């Protein structure tokens, strides 16, 4: 299914230099693109998904609300919106771009753009993609990472750490 998907291959500056199949990109460790989306409910809880057990990378580990590779010619925003519909059945009114992580071994050579959205829609996880899902308080996620980091994907732990750094940068300081 995904092995035949055609992805853009990019250089160290995230500029497209060619295309290759999903299987070839991963086999050769070529740089490519993905989008990760953090979905929050009105109570401020974050939805996390447990990856399907058949997945090539990080099977059965917990990850962002939705995530996926960008197809050839697809931009980050459109890829993120598509992944939300495919994986969770959610049609968000707005996707906020939070930050981008450079491609490297820790991301599987993916440039990762991270988005945030809010929904009050019912989450309808695709059982082919997602083994389980749950809503978590941000403090619960933080405790989970400290207690059982091996149960969450490396990319999620990396982007959660970056998210904490971004939040700290915008936290009001006492005078």
C-alpha atoms as a PDB file:
ATOM      1  CA  UNK A   1       0.000   0.000   0.000  1.00  0.00           C
ATOM      2  CA  UNK A   2       2.423   2.695   1.194  1.00  0.00           C
ATOM      3  CA  UNK A   3       5.484   1.175  -0.465  1.00  0.00           C
ATOM      4  CA  UNK A   4       4.216   2.374  -3.871  1.00  0.00           C
ATOM      5  CA  UNK A   5       3.379   5.897  -2.652  1.00  0.00           C
ATOM      6  CA  UNK A   6       5.549   8.493  -4.435  1.00  0.00           C
ATOM      7  CA  UNK A   7       7.235  11.070  -2.190  1.00  0.00           C
ATOM      8  CA  UNK A   8       9.281  14.159  -2.914  1.00  0.00           C
ATOM      9  CA  UNK A   9      12.970  13.687  -2.153  1.00  0.00           C
ATOM     10  CA  UNK A  10      14.479  16.891  -0.749  1.00  0.00           C
ATOM     11  CA  UNK A  11      17.934  18.291  -0.076  1.00  0.00           C
ATOM     12  CA  UNK A  12      19.342  19.611   3.203  1.00  0.00           C
ATOM     13  CA  UNK A  13      17.373  22.868   2.677  1.00  0.00           C
ATOM     14  CA  UNK A  14      14.031  21.067   2.123  1.00  0.00           C
ATOM     15  CA  UNK A  15      14.083  21.832  -1.608  1.00  0.00           C
ATOM     16  CA  UNK A  16      12.698  19.156  -3.922  1.00  0.00           C
ATOM     17  CA  UNK A  17      15.415  17.357  -5.882  1.00  0.00           C
ATOM     18  CA  UNK A  18      13.414  14.383  -7.166  1.00  0.00           C
ATOM     19  CA  UNK A  19      10.808  11.751  -6.376  1.00  0.00           C
ATOM     20  CA  UNK A  20      11.003   8.167  -5.182  1.00  0.00           C
ATOM     21  CA  UNK A  21       8.723   5.496  -3.798  1.00  0.00           C
ATOM     22  CA  UNK A  22       8.049   5.338  -0.075  1.00  0.00           C
ATOM     23  CA  UNK A  23       9.956   2.050   0.096  1.00  0.00           C
ATOM     24  CA  UNK A  24      12.997   3.458  -1.723  1.00  0.00           C
ATOM     25  CA  UNK A  25      13.061   6.636   0.388  1.00  0.00           C
ATOM     26  CA  UNK A  26      13.198   4.611   3.588  1.00  0.00           C
ATOM     27  CA  UNK A  27      15.526   1.905   2.257  1.00  0.00           C
ATOM     28  CA  UNK A  28      18.079   4.505   1.077  1.00  0.00           C
ATOM     29  CA  UNK A  29      17.613   6.978   3.970  1.00  0.00           C
ATOM     30  CA  UNK A  30      16.651   9.843   1.628  1.00  0.00           C
ATOM     31  CA  UNK A  31      15.398  13.148   3.026  1.00  0.00           C
ATOM     32  CA  UNK A  32      11.656  13.645   2.623  1.00  0.00           C
ATOM     33  CA  UNK A  33       8.744  15.429   4.298  1.00  0.00           C
ATOM     34  CA  UNK A  34       6.054  14.686   6.860  1.00  0.00           C
ATOM     35  CA  UNK A  35       3.423  16.527   8.852  1.00  0.00           C
ATOM     36  CA  UNK A  36       2.527  15.865  12.493  1.00  0.00           C
ATOM     37  CA  UNK A  37      -0.663  17.272  13.972  1.00  0.00           C
ATOM     38  CA  UNK A  38      -1.506  17.828  17.634  1.00  0.00           C
ATOM     39  CA  UNK A  39      -5.292  17.742  18.084  1.00  0.00           C
ATOM     40  CA  UNK A  40      -6.719  19.294  21.243  1.00  0.00           C
ATOM     41  CA  UNK A  41     -10.303  19.197  22.483  1.00  0.00           C
ATOM     42  CA  UNK A  42     -12.094  22.181  24.068  1.00  0.00           C
ATOM     43  CA  UNK A  43     -10.939  20.984  27.530  1.00  0.00           C
ATOM     44  CA  UNK A  44      -7.301  21.348  26.447  1.00  0.00           C
ATOM     45  CA  UNK A  45      -6.596  17.615  26.279  1.00  0.00           C
ATOM     46  CA  UNK A  46      -4.321  16.237  23.565  1.00  0.00           C
ATOM     47  CA  UNK A  47      -5.333  13.205  21.513  1.00  0.00           C
ATOM     48  CA  UNK A  48      -2.567  10.608  21.153  1.00  0.00           C
ATOM     49  CA  UNK A  49      -2.696   7.591  18.871  1.00  0.00           C
ATOM     50  CA  UNK A  50      -1.075   4.213  19.206  1.00  0.00           C
ATOM     51  CA  UNK A  51       0.400   3.254  15.846  1.00  0.00           C
ATOM     52  CA  UNK A  52      -0.860   0.101  14.164  1.00  0.00           C
ATOM     53  CA  UNK A  53       1.189  -3.006  14.834  1.00  0.00           C
ATOM     54  CA  UNK A  54       1.894  -3.574  11.108  1.00  0.00           C
ATOM     55  CA  UNK A  55       3.706  -0.215  10.705  1.00  0.00           C
ATOM     56  CA  UNK A  56       7.296  -0.394   9.476  1.00  0.00           C
ATOM     57  CA  UNK A  57       8.465   2.358  11.842  1.00  0.00           C
ATOM     58  CA  UNK A  58       7.585   2.361  15.552  1.00  0.00           C
ATOM     59  CA  UNK A  59       4.777  -0.229  15.463  1.00  0.00           C
ATOM     60  CA  UNK A  60       2.554  -0.127  18.535  1.00  0.00           C
ATOM     61  CA  UNK A  61       4.152   3.023  19.939  1.00  0.00           C
ATOM     62  CA  UNK A  62       2.181   6.118  20.905  1.00  0.00           C
ATOM     63  CA  UNK A  63       2.490   9.154  18.653  1.00  0.00           C
ATOM     64  CA  UNK A  64       1.018  12.519  17.732  1.00  0.00           C
ATOM     65  CA  UNK A  65      -2.692  12.758  17.024  1.00  0.00           C
ATOM     66  CA  UNK A  66      -2.120  12.252  13.292  1.00  0.00           C
ATOM     67  CA  UNK A  67       0.950  12.147  11.110  1.00  0.00           C
ATOM     68  CA  UNK A  68       2.093  11.108   7.692  1.00  0.00           C
ATOM     69  CA  UNK A  69       4.346  11.572   4.722  1.00  0.00           C
ATOM     70  CA  UNK A  70       3.619  14.267   2.181  1.00  0.00           C
ATOM     71  CA  UNK A  71       2.953  12.940  -1.286  1.00  0.00           C
ATOM     72  CA  UNK A  72       4.898  14.226  -4.284  1.00  0.00           C
ATOM     73  CA  UNK A  73       3.890  17.843  -4.946  1.00  0.00           C
ATOM     74  CA  UNK A  74       1.906  18.154  -1.703  1.00  0.00           C
ATOM     75  CA  UNK A  75       2.608  21.034   0.692  1.00  0.00           C
ATOM     76  CA  UNK A  76       2.751  20.677   4.473  1.00  0.00           C
ATOM     77  CA  UNK A  77      -0.636  22.318   5.141  1.00  0.00           C
ATOM     78  CA  UNK A  78      -2.521  20.145   2.646  1.00  0.00           C
ATOM     79  CA  UNK A  79      -0.733  17.005   3.820  1.00  0.00           C
ATOM     80  CA  UNK A  80      -1.644  17.745   7.429  1.00  0.00           C
ATOM     81  CA  UNK A  81      -5.310  18.320   6.575  1.00  0.00           C
ATOM     82  CA  UNK A  82      -5.393  15.098   4.514  1.00  0.00           C
ATOM     83  CA  UNK A  83      -3.842  13.061   7.346  1.00  0.00           C
ATOM     84  CA  UNK A  84      -6.434  14.359   9.825  1.00  0.00           C
ATOM     85  CA  UNK A  85      -9.268  13.206   7.587  1.00  0.00           C
ATOM     86  CA  UNK A  86      -7.647   9.857   6.715  1.00  0.00           C
ATOM     87  CA  UNK A  87      -6.509   8.879  10.206  1.00  0.00           C
ATOM     88  CA  UNK A  88      -9.060  10.531  12.512  1.00  0.00           C
ATOM     89  CA  UNK A  89     -12.043  11.524  10.354  1.00  0.00           C
ATOM     90  CA  UNK A  90     -11.613  15.135  11.540  1.00  0.00           C
ATOM     91  CA  UNK A  91     -12.104  18.237   9.370  1.00  0.00           C
ATOM     92  CA  UNK A  92     -10.495  21.071  11.342  1.00  0.00           C
ATOM     93  CA  UNK A  93     -11.453  24.658  10.536  1.00  0.00           C
ATOM     94  CA  UNK A  94      -7.871  25.840  11.130  1.00  0.00           C
ATOM     95  CA  UNK A  95      -4.390  24.346  11.341  1.00  0.00           C
ATOM     96  CA  UNK A  96      -1.817  26.446  13.153  1.00  0.00           C
ATOM     97  CA  UNK A  97       1.805  25.867  12.153  1.00  0.00           C
ATOM     98  CA  UNK A  98       3.891  25.547  15.318  1.00  0.00           C
ATOM     99  CA  UNK A  99       7.440  24.775  14.135  1.00  0.00           C
ATOM    100  CA  UNK A 100       9.582  22.671  11.841  1.00  0.00           C
ATOM    101  CA  UNK A 101      12.178  20.040  12.729  1.00  0.00           C
ATOM    102  CA  UNK A 102      15.090  19.444  10.356  1.00  0.00           C
ATOM    103  CA  UNK A 103      15.614  16.070   8.736  1.00  0.00           C
ATOM    104  CA  UNK A 104      18.078  13.790  10.491  1.00  0.00           C
ATOM    105  CA  UNK A 105      18.487  10.301  11.888  1.00  0.00           C
ATOM    106  CA  UNK A 106      16.196  11.100  14.849  1.00  0.00           C
ATOM    107  CA  UNK A 107      13.288  11.850  12.454  1.00  0.00           C
ATOM    108  CA  UNK A 108      13.997   9.081   9.947  1.00  0.00           C
ATOM    109  CA  UNK A 109      15.390  11.763   7.582  1.00  0.00           C
ATOM    110  CA  UNK A 110      12.051  13.557   7.483  1.00  0.00           C
ATOM    111  CA  UNK A 111      11.612  17.305   7.614  1.00  0.00           C
ATOM    112  CA  UNK A 112       8.709  17.461  10.075  1.00  0.00           C
ATOM    113  CA  UNK A 113       6.318  20.398  10.229  1.00  0.00           C
ATOM    114  CA  UNK A 114       4.203  20.335  13.381  1.00  0.00           C
ATOM    115  CA  UNK A 115       0.667  21.727  13.430  1.00  0.00           C
ATOM    116  CA  UNK A 116      -1.920  22.281  16.149  1.00  0.00           C
ATOM    117  CA  UNK A 117      -5.690  22.303  15.866  1.00  0.00           C
ATOM    118  CA  UNK A 118      -8.739  22.136  18.104  1.00  0.00           C
ATOM    119  CA  UNK A 119     -11.833  20.043  17.522  1.00  0.00           C
ATOM    120  CA  UNK A 120     -15.048  19.140  19.219  1.00  0.00           C
ATOM    121  CA  UNK A 121     -15.759  16.557  16.512  1.00  0.00           C
ATOM    122  CA  UNK A 122     -15.879  12.903  17.461  1.00  0.00           C
ATOM    123  CA  UNK A 123     -12.566  11.217  16.667  1.00  0.00           C
ATOM    124  CA  UNK A 124     -13.093   8.252  14.350  1.00  0.00           C
ATOM    125  CA  UNK A 125      -9.689   6.528  14.142  1.00  0.00           C
ATOM    126  CA  UNK A 126      -8.941   4.458  11.062  1.00  0.00           C
ATOM    127  CA  UNK A 127      -8.447   0.938  12.510  1.00  0.00           C
ATOM    128  CA  UNK A 128      -5.975   0.105   9.729  1.00  0.00           C
ATOM    129  CA  UNK A 129      -3.712   3.004  10.804  1.00  0.00           C
ATOM    130  CA  UNK A 130      -4.371   3.274  14.522  1.00  0.00           C
ATOM    131  CA  UNK A 131      -4.402   0.545  17.146  1.00  0.00           C
ATOM    132  CA  UNK A 132      -5.872   2.770  19.907  1.00  0.00           C
ATOM    133  CA  UNK A 133      -6.280   6.405  20.877  1.00  0.00           C
ATOM    134  CA  UNK A 134      -6.838   8.475  23.995  1.00  0.00           C
ATOM    135  CA  UNK A 135      -7.212  12.029  25.263  1.00  0.00           C
ATOM    136  CA  UNK A 136      -4.483  13.167  27.677  1.00  0.00           C
ATOM    137  CA  UNK A 137      -3.860  16.191  29.833  1.00  0.00           C
ATOM    138  CA  UNK A 138      -0.541  17.860  28.878  1.00  0.00           C
ATOM    139  CA  UNK A 139       0.798  17.172  32.398  1.00  0.00           C
ATOM    140  CA  UNK A 140      -0.118  13.499  31.947  1.00  0.00           C
ATOM    141  CA  UNK A 141       1.861  13.397  28.673  1.00  0.00           C
ATOM    142  CA  UNK A 142       4.848  14.951  30.442  1.00  0.00           C
ATOM    143  CA  UNK A 143       4.673  12.359  33.237  1.00  0.00           C
ATOM    144  CA  UNK A 144       4.247   9.542  30.706  1.00  0.00           C
ATOM    145  CA  UNK A 145       7.397  10.589  28.835  1.00  0.00           C
ATOM    146  CA  UNK A 146       9.331  10.677  32.098  1.00  0.00           C
ATOM    147  CA  UNK A 147       7.998   7.319  33.271  1.00  0.00           C
ATOM    148  CA  UNK A 148       7.841   5.245  30.043  1.00  0.00           C
ATOM    149  CA  UNK A 149       9.618   7.054  27.187  1.00  0.00           C
ATOM    150  CA  UNK A 150      10.082   3.777  25.288  1.00  0.00           C
ATOM    151  CA  UNK A 151       6.291   3.547  24.714  1.00  0.00           C
ATOM    152  CA  UNK A 152       6.241   6.765  22.647  1.00  0.00           C
ATOM    153  CA  UNK A 153       7.835   7.330  19.239  1.00  0.00           C
ATOM    154  CA  UNK A 154      11.179   9.096  19.101  1.00  0.00           C
ATOM    155  CA  UNK A 155       9.708  11.756  16.822  1.00  0.00           C
ATOM    156  CA  UNK A 156       6.920  12.465  19.317  1.00  0.00           C
ATOM    157  CA  UNK A 157       9.405  12.806  22.189  1.00  0.00           C
ATOM    158  CA  UNK A 158      11.533  15.130  20.050  1.00  0.00           C
ATOM    159  CA  UNK A 159       8.634  17.360  19.035  1.00  0.00           C
ATOM    160  CA  UNK A 160       7.227  17.393  22.604  1.00  0.00           C
ATOM    161  CA  UNK A 161      10.612  18.617  23.839  1.00  0.00           C
ATOM    162  CA  UNK A 162      10.649  21.300  21.134  1.00  0.00           C
ATOM    163  CA  UNK A 163       7.063  22.262  22.022  1.00  0.00           C
ATOM    164  CA  UNK A 164       8.095  22.744  25.664  1.00  0.00           C
ATOM    165  CA  UNK A 165      10.950  25.007  24.520  1.00  0.00           C
ATOM    166  CA  UNK A 166       8.577  27.072  22.370  1.00  0.00           C
ATOM    167  CA  UNK A 167       6.064  27.376  25.230  1.00  0.00           C
ATOM    168  CA  UNK A 168       8.833  28.493  27.611  1.00  0.00           C
ATOM    169  CA  UNK A 169       9.951  31.174  25.139  1.00  0.00           C
ATOM    170  CA  UNK A 170       6.465  32.719  25.149  1.00  0.00           C
ATOM    171  CA  UNK A 171       5.723  32.347  28.873  1.00  0.00           C
ATOM    172  CA  UNK A 172       5.363  35.760  30.568  1.00  0.00           C
ATOM    173  CA  UNK A 173       8.306  36.565  32.823  1.00  0.00           C
ATOM    174  CA  UNK A 174       7.979  38.143  36.260  1.00  0.00           C
ATOM    175  CA  UNK A 175       9.623  41.541  36.526  1.00  0.00           C
END
